[in-house]
Amino acid sequence: MQSTKQDVKLYLLVDGGKTKTEAVIVDSNGSEIAKSRGPGLEIIGSVDGYERVVDSLRTTFDQLPQTTRFAGVAFGLNGAQAAPSYHLAAKAISSLVKADQFTIASDVVMNYLGALGNQPGVVVAAGTGAVVMAISREGVAYRIDGDGPLIADRGSGHDIGRQGLKIAAMVDDGLPGSAALHKAMIERFGTLENTAASVYGAPNPIEVVASFSKSVVDAAQEGDEMSIEILRCAAQDLAMNVQAAARRSKLAGAPFSYSTAGGVFNIGPLIEKPFHDFVAQFLPEAKFQKPIGGAIAGAQIMAMNQAPGLEQVTTRIGAN
């Protein structure tokens, strides 16, 4: 971090996703002082995950002005679903910055607070990965999916990209598939063999696969029926996750709000329309609420202790 004068309370807000990490410094009024973007974060509990998370955070923080001490730090990261991950995350970030208090949570907690605030409802966050969080009317938090690309992440960017590559590879093998997706694969990678080598040889294979979701979207916008179906199925999966979250939290059966977060919903009508249609079919009592803000807005709520009652999905650690 570069040196800068500090004469006001400052807060560090960190949104650690699978493909990128965003860090923002704000003052006690919420005014942005500085921001940076760095590489995505590995699942911290995976093999070598802790060391890779520290390295990625260091790369992100090195772009920020040097700050002697923060009044609070909020750190949300993908794959942090239980206490062991939270404590590893706290150890990682506290090794790089000093603060009076650290608040650690899964990135979906930050997305939830940014979208709906600290109130009952359901938020589906779909970027490279996918996870849904519900808060019951009693203030209890529940999580659906978010189990990573090797198990689930239904409806995520990775899921969309993987389905697109699968169908493109089928054409190369002489099976029915999408000529548009096959063309996109060849234009990007050269051959099917090069595609496999590019994915499996990449430092972050998940990011490479997820990035092919853009080719699926482009093909769908050009009218490719298989690509349209991939997006429709992703929308259905996300809506089913909302339904599962609403049932588990006992929000279903009476009016409640739901919202969205993440890059998948930036695709536009090809995802949004079928998603909302499926939610209306599964949960007619659900009302969509446009997101108030994003994950960084949620991190600010966390850092400033403005989200009481979420102790079961956050870990607070004192000064280092």
Protein backbone atom coordinates (compact mmCIF):
# COMPACT_ATOMS: atom_id res chain seq x y z
CA MET A 1 0.00 0.00 0.00
CA GLN A 2 1.16 3.53 -0.76
CA SER A 3 1.40 5.97 2.15
CA THR A 4 -1.39 8.45 2.91
CA LYS A 5 -2.39 10.65 5.83
CA GLN A 6 -5.08 9.25 8.13
CA ASP A 7 -7.00 11.64 10.38
CA VAL A 8 -10.51 10.15 10.20
CA LYS A 9 -11.99 6.71 10.85
CA LEU A 10 -11.54 4.52 7.82
CA TYR A 11 -13.14 1.20 6.91
CA LEU A 12 -11.86 -1.46 4.50
CA LEU A 13 -14.54 -3.33 2.54
CA VAL A 14 -13.49 -6.46 0.65
CA ASP A 15 -15.63 -8.54 -1.72
CA GLY A 16 -13.74 -11.71 -2.60
CA GLY A 17 -15.31 -13.61 -5.48
CA LYS A 18 -14.09 -16.52 -7.59
CA THR A 19 -12.83 -14.41 -10.49
CA LYS A 20 -12.08 -11.02 -8.92
CA THR A 21 -11.59 -9.27 -5.58
CA GLU A 22 -12.80 -5.74 -4.98
CA ALA A 23 -11.51 -3.63 -2.10
CA VAL A 24 -12.81 -0.19 -1.14
CA ILE A 25 -11.76 2.21 1.61
CA VAL A 26 -14.54 4.46 2.93
CA ASP A 27 -14.77 6.96 5.75
CA SER A 28 -17.35 6.96 8.56
CA ASN A 29 -19.80 8.81 6.29
CA GLY A 30 -19.52 6.11 3.66
CA SER A 31 -17.61 8.32 1.23
CA GLU A 32 -15.21 6.41 -0.99
CA ILE A 33 -11.54 7.17 -0.39
CA ALA A 34 -9.92 4.59 -2.67
CA LYS A 35 -10.67 1.32 -4.42
CA SER A 36 -8.85 -1.46 -6.22
CA ARG A 37 -9.50 -4.72 -8.04
CA GLY A 38 -7.38 -7.85 -7.90
CA PRO A 39 -7.50 -11.57 -8.70
CA GLY A 40 -10.26 -13.85 -7.49
CA LEU A 41 -9.92 -15.95 -4.36
CA GLU A 42 -9.52 -19.69 -4.06
CA ILE A 43 -11.76 -21.55 -1.61
CA ILE A 44 -9.73 -20.88 1.50
CA GLY A 45 -10.15 -24.37 2.94
CA SER A 46 -8.88 -26.09 -0.22
CA VAL A 47 -5.35 -27.41 -0.73
CA ASP A 48 -3.00 -24.40 -0.64
CA GLY A 49 -6.14 -22.23 -0.47
CA TYR A 50 -4.99 -20.16 2.49
CA GLU A 51 -1.66 -19.22 0.89
CA ARG A 52 -3.34 -18.35 -2.41
CA VAL A 53 -5.95 -16.19 -0.70
CA VAL A 54 -3.21 -14.27 1.13
CA ASP A 55 -1.29 -13.75 -2.14
CA SER A 56 -4.41 -12.54 -3.96
CA LEU A 57 -5.37 -10.17 -1.15
CA ARG A 58 -1.85 -8.77 -1.06
CA THR A 59 -2.02 -8.05 -4.80
CA THR A 60 -5.33 -6.23 -4.32
CA PHE A 61 -4.23 -4.26 -1.25
CA ASP A 62 -0.94 -3.18 -2.82
CA GLN A 63 -2.98 -0.95 -5.13
CA LEU A 64 -4.53 0.95 -2.19
CA PRO A 65 -3.07 3.86 -0.21
CA GLN A 66 -1.23 2.69 2.91
CA THR A 67 -3.40 2.96 6.00
CA THR A 68 -1.96 2.53 9.48
CA ARG A 69 -5.14 1.16 11.01
CA PHE A 70 -8.80 0.72 10.08
CA ALA A 71 -11.72 1.23 12.43
CA GLY A 72 -13.30 -1.84 10.86
CA VAL A 73 -12.75 -4.38 8.11
CA ALA A 74 -15.52 -6.39 6.42
CA PHE A 75 -14.34 -9.36 4.38
CA GLY A 76 -16.72 -11.49 2.38
CA LEU A 77 -15.31 -14.40 0.41
CA ASN A 78 -16.60 -17.24 -1.71
CA GLY A 79 -16.63 -20.69 -0.17
CA ALA A 80 -16.69 -19.47 3.44
CA GLN A 81 -19.68 -21.30 4.85
CA ALA A 82 -18.62 -22.31 8.37
CA ALA A 83 -16.51 -21.27 11.35
CA PRO A 84 -13.23 -22.93 10.24
CA SER A 85 -13.27 -20.97 6.98
CA TYR A 86 -14.13 -17.74 8.80
CA HIS A 87 -11.19 -18.13 11.17
CA LEU A 88 -8.80 -18.87 8.30
CA ALA A 89 -10.11 -15.81 6.48
CA ALA A 90 -9.64 -13.66 9.58
CA LYS A 91 -6.09 -14.94 9.93
CA ALA A 92 -5.38 -14.19 6.27
CA ILE A 93 -6.64 -10.62 6.20
CA SER A 94 -5.33 -9.68 9.66
CA SER A 95 -1.86 -10.71 8.50
CA LEU A 96 -2.03 -7.92 5.90
CA VAL A 97 -3.89 -5.03 7.59
CA LYS A 98 -4.52 -3.77 11.12
CA ALA A 99 -8.00 -2.95 12.41
CA ASP A 100 -10.04 -2.46 15.56
CA GLN A 101 -12.48 -5.11 14.36
CA PHE A 102 -12.74 -7.67 11.58
CA THR A 103 -16.10 -8.99 10.34
CA ILE A 104 -15.88 -12.13 8.22
CA ALA A 105 -18.68 -13.71 6.20
CA SER A 106 -19.52 -15.52 3.00
CA ASP A 107 -19.82 -13.16 0.04
CA VAL A 108 -23.54 -14.00 -0.15
CA VAL A 109 -24.08 -12.28 3.22
CA MET A 110 -22.66 -9.06 1.78
CA ASN A 111 -24.74 -9.48 -1.38
CA TYR A 112 -27.85 -10.02 0.74
CA LEU A 113 -27.33 -6.93 2.89
CA GLY A 114 -26.49 -4.85 -0.16
CA ALA A 115 -29.61 -5.96 -2.02
CA LEU A 116 -32.30 -6.08 0.69
CA GLY A 117 -30.70 -4.72 3.85
CA ASN A 118 -31.17 -6.49 7.16
CA GLN A 119 -34.76 -7.64 6.67
CA PRO A 120 -36.52 -10.94 5.88
CA GLY A 121 -36.39 -12.15 2.30
CA VAL A 122 -34.37 -14.10 -0.24
CA VAL A 123 -31.40 -13.00 -2.34
CA VAL A 124 -29.90 -15.09 -5.12
CA ALA A 125 -26.31 -14.22 -6.00
CA ALA A 126 -25.15 -15.63 -9.32
CA GLY A 127 -21.77 -14.77 -10.78
CA THR A 128 -19.04 -17.29 -11.49
CA GLY A 129 -20.68 -19.32 -8.71
CA ALA A 130 -24.23 -19.31 -7.38
CA VAL A 131 -25.64 -19.18 -3.87
CA VAL A 132 -28.93 -18.15 -2.27
CA MET A 133 -29.49 -16.74 1.19
CA ALA A 134 -32.76 -16.31 3.03
CA ILE A 135 -33.47 -14.53 6.30
CA SER A 136 -36.60 -15.74 8.05
CA ARG A 137 -39.13 -13.52 9.76
CA GLU A 138 -37.46 -14.55 13.02
CA GLY A 139 -34.10 -13.31 11.74
CA VAL A 140 -32.53 -16.73 11.13
CA ALA A 141 -30.29 -17.04 8.06
CA TYR A 142 -30.38 -20.02 5.67
CA ARG A 143 -28.13 -20.85 2.72
CA ILE A 144 -28.94 -22.83 -0.44
CA ASP A 145 -26.25 -24.03 -2.88
CA GLY A 146 -22.91 -22.21 -2.99
CA ASP A 147 -21.25 -25.63 -2.90
CA GLY A 148 -18.72 -24.92 -5.63
CA PRO A 149 -18.44 -25.85 -9.32
CA LEU A 150 -17.47 -29.48 -8.73
CA ILE A 151 -20.67 -30.16 -6.80
CA ALA A 152 -23.32 -27.58 -7.65
CA ASP A 153 -23.37 -23.79 -8.26
CA ARG A 154 -26.56 -24.36 -10.22
CA GLY A 155 -27.35 -21.60 -12.70
CA SER A 156 -23.97 -19.91 -12.27
CA GLY A 157 -21.71 -18.41 -14.93
CA HIS A 158 -19.51 -21.49 -14.61
CA ASP A 159 -22.52 -23.76 -15.07
CA ILE A 160 -23.59 -21.83 -18.19
CA GLY A 161 -20.07 -21.86 -19.62
CA ARG A 162 -19.59 -25.57 -18.93
CA GLN A 163 -22.88 -26.46 -20.61
CA GLY A 164 -21.86 -24.36 -23.62
CA LEU A 165 -18.48 -26.06 -23.93
CA LYS A 166 -20.09 -29.48 -23.52
CA ILE A 167 -22.48 -28.86 -26.41
CA ALA A 168 -19.71 -27.35 -28.55
CA ALA A 169 -17.51 -30.40 -27.94
CA MET A 170 -20.37 -32.71 -28.97
CA VAL A 171 -20.36 -31.17 -32.45
CA ASP A 172 -16.63 -31.79 -32.72
CA ASP A 173 -17.27 -35.44 -31.86
CA GLY A 174 -19.94 -35.79 -34.55
CA LEU A 175 -22.91 -35.61 -32.17
CA PRO A 176 -25.92 -33.27 -32.33
CA GLY A 177 -25.06 -29.90 -30.77
CA SER A 178 -24.85 -26.20 -31.49
CA ALA A 179 -22.95 -25.06 -34.57
CA ALA A 180 -22.86 -21.53 -33.15
CA LEU A 181 -21.22 -22.65 -29.90
CA HIS A 182 -18.82 -24.92 -31.76
CA LYS A 183 -17.79 -21.98 -33.95
CA ALA A 184 -17.28 -19.82 -30.85
CA MET A 185 -15.14 -22.49 -29.22
CA ILE A 186 -12.94 -22.92 -32.32
CA GLU A 187 -12.56 -19.16 -32.79
CA ARG A 188 -11.41 -18.78 -29.22
CA PHE A 189 -9.27 -21.87 -28.64
CA GLY A 190 -8.45 -23.21 -32.11
CA THR A 191 -9.35 -26.89 -31.66
CA LEU A 192 -11.13 -29.11 -29.17
CA GLU A 193 -7.74 -30.38 -28.00
CA ASN A 194 -6.56 -26.80 -27.45
CA THR A 195 -9.78 -26.09 -25.58
CA ALA A 196 -9.11 -28.90 -23.13
CA ALA A 197 -5.47 -27.86 -22.75
CA SER A 198 -6.47 -24.23 -22.15
CA VAL A 199 -8.99 -25.17 -19.48
CA TYR A 200 -7.03 -27.80 -17.59
CA GLY A 201 -3.74 -25.94 -17.91
CA ALA A 202 -5.09 -22.61 -16.70
CA PRO A 203 -4.13 -21.21 -13.27
CA ASN A 204 -7.88 -20.75 -12.68
CA PRO A 205 -9.83 -23.27 -14.82
CA ILE A 206 -13.12 -22.17 -13.23
CA GLU A 207 -12.64 -18.66 -14.59
CA VAL A 208 -11.84 -19.92 -18.09
CA VAL A 209 -14.95 -22.10 -18.21
CA ALA A 210 -17.16 -19.36 -16.76
CA SER A 211 -15.88 -16.88 -19.33
CA PHE A 212 -17.36 -19.04 -22.12
CA SER A 213 -20.78 -18.07 -20.77
CA LYS A 214 -20.37 -14.86 -22.80
CA SER A 215 -20.22 -16.95 -25.97
CA VAL A 216 -23.42 -18.71 -24.89
CA VAL A 217 -25.11 -15.35 -24.39
CA ASP A 218 -23.89 -14.05 -27.75
CA ALA A 219 -25.18 -17.16 -29.51
CA ALA A 220 -28.51 -16.93 -27.72
CA GLN A 221 -28.90 -13.30 -28.75
CA GLU A 222 -28.33 -14.42 -32.33
CA GLY A 223 -31.18 -16.90 -31.96
CA ASP A 224 -29.29 -20.15 -31.29
CA GLU A 225 -31.94 -22.38 -29.74
CA MET A 226 -29.56 -24.54 -27.69
CA SER A 227 -27.94 -21.47 -26.16
CA ILE A 228 -31.34 -20.02 -25.33
CA GLU A 229 -32.22 -23.32 -23.66
CA ILE A 230 -28.99 -23.28 -21.61
CA LEU A 231 -29.93 -19.86 -20.25
CA ARG A 232 -33.54 -20.91 -19.64
CA CYS A 233 -32.36 -23.94 -17.64
CA ALA A 234 -29.97 -21.75 -15.64
CA ALA A 235 -32.85 -19.40 -14.85
CA GLN A 236 -34.98 -22.34 -13.75
CA ASP A 237 -32.20 -23.66 -11.49
CA LEU A 238 -31.81 -20.25 -9.84
CA ALA A 239 -35.56 -19.96 -9.34
CA MET A 240 -35.69 -23.45 -7.82
CA ASN A 241 -32.98 -22.39 -5.39
CA VAL A 242 -35.08 -19.38 -4.41
CA GLN A 243 -38.01 -21.73 -3.83
CA ALA A 244 -35.88 -24.03 -1.68
CA ALA A 245 -34.61 -21.09 0.37
CA ALA A 246 -38.12 -19.73 0.88
CA ARG A 247 -39.39 -23.11 2.03
CA ARG A 248 -36.47 -23.80 4.35
CA SER A 249 -36.81 -20.37 5.99
CA LYS A 250 -40.61 -20.72 6.13
CA LEU A 251 -41.06 -17.51 4.16
CA ALA A 252 -43.15 -19.38 1.58
CA GLY A 253 -46.89 -19.14 2.01
CA ALA A 254 -47.02 -15.43 2.85
CA PRO A 255 -45.78 -12.32 0.99
CA PHE A 256 -42.02 -11.76 1.04
CA SER A 257 -39.39 -9.92 -0.99
CA TYR A 258 -36.65 -11.42 -3.12
CA SER A 259 -33.79 -9.79 -4.98
CA THR A 260 -30.80 -10.60 -7.17
CA ALA A 261 -27.06 -9.96 -7.27
CA GLY A 262 -24.15 -10.96 -9.49
CA GLY A 263 -23.05 -10.80 -13.10
CA VAL A 264 -25.37 -13.53 -14.42
CA PHE A 265 -28.30 -11.14 -14.07
CA ASN A 266 -26.44 -8.59 -16.20
CA ILE A 267 -27.15 -10.91 -19.14
CA GLY A 268 -30.54 -9.24 -19.35
CA PRO A 269 -33.95 -10.52 -20.49
CA LEU A 270 -32.67 -13.92 -21.67
CA ILE A 271 -32.03 -14.78 -18.00
CA GLU A 272 -34.18 -12.27 -16.12
CA LYS A 273 -37.50 -12.98 -17.82
CA PRO A 274 -37.51 -16.77 -17.44
CA PHE A 275 -36.08 -16.43 -13.91
CA HIS A 276 -38.86 -14.12 -12.72
CA ASP A 277 -41.44 -16.20 -14.59
CA PHE A 278 -40.27 -19.36 -12.81
CA VAL A 279 -40.25 -17.61 -9.42
CA ALA A 280 -43.81 -16.40 -10.04
CA GLN A 281 -44.80 -19.96 -10.95
CA PHE A 282 -43.14 -21.52 -7.89
CA LEU A 283 -43.82 -18.71 -5.39
CA PRO A 284 -46.71 -16.44 -6.44
CA GLU A 285 -46.48 -14.71 -3.05
CA ALA A 286 -42.92 -13.50 -3.76
CA LYS A 287 -42.38 -9.87 -4.79
CA PHE A 288 -39.24 -8.77 -6.58
CA GLN A 289 -37.36 -5.86 -5.03
CA LYS A 290 -34.75 -4.10 -7.11
CA PRO A 291 -31.37 -4.34 -5.36
CA ILE A 292 -30.63 -1.36 -3.13
CA GLY A 293 -26.90 -1.76 -3.72
CA GLY A 294 -24.16 -4.30 -4.31
CA ALA A 295 -21.81 -6.41 -2.23
CA ILE A 296 -19.63 -3.46 -1.20
CA ALA A 297 -22.71 -1.68 0.16
CA GLY A 298 -23.43 -4.81 2.18
CA ALA A 299 -19.84 -4.90 3.40
CA GLN A 300 -20.20 -1.33 4.67
CA ILE A 301 -23.24 -2.35 6.72
CA MET A 302 -21.20 -5.22 8.17
CA ALA A 303 -18.11 -3.12 8.90
CA MET A 304 -20.11 -0.46 10.72
CA ASN A 305 -22.01 -3.00 12.84
CA GLN A 306 -25.35 -2.07 11.29
CA ALA A 307 -26.62 -5.64 10.80
CA PRO A 308 -27.44 -7.06 14.24
CA GLY A 309 -28.77 -10.59 14.55
CA LEU A 310 -26.61 -12.24 11.88
CA GLU A 311 -24.13 -13.79 14.27
CA GLN A 312 -24.78 -17.26 12.87
CA VAL A 313 -23.41 -16.24 9.45
CA THR A 314 -20.69 -13.78 10.47
CA THR A 315 -17.62 -13.89 12.68
CA ARG A 316 -16.40 -10.78 14.49
CA ILE A 317 -12.84 -10.65 15.73
CA GLY A 318 -11.29 -7.86 17.78
CA ALA A 319 -8.22 -5.74 17.22
CA ASN A 320 -4.93 -7.15 15.99
